[in-house]
Amino acid sequence: MSVQPSHHTTGHPRVPRNPDGIAAALRGGRRMEFYRELGQAPIDQVEQILNRWWCEAELDADPDQDRIIAAARSGTLPTVTMADMMRLRRERGGELPGE
């Protein structure tokens, strides 16, 4: 598995990790899709849904979104392994999901 490297200039996420922050960052009809999925979710799945949609919202809020999507589609998007990403994040003192 590989992942796209993240390039935040502040070291902090662009999108607050809560339902209102996620919804505010989503583009177009995706906001309603998010609220519908969240509203219909069993309580034990809410955190998973928030985590998935937060990733979507981070991409929607990224000013480089169009470039990133084009690079992913063309196969030129740089990637790192999941193990390397997790190691780098731990080395930088970042919290990993589920920790």
Foldseek 3Di string as FASTA:
>chain_A
DKDFDDDDPVPDQPFPLDLVSLLVQDDDPVSVVLVVCLVPDDPVCNVVSSVVSSVVSSLSNDPCNVVQVVCVVVVNGDIDHPVVVVVVCVVVVHDDPPD
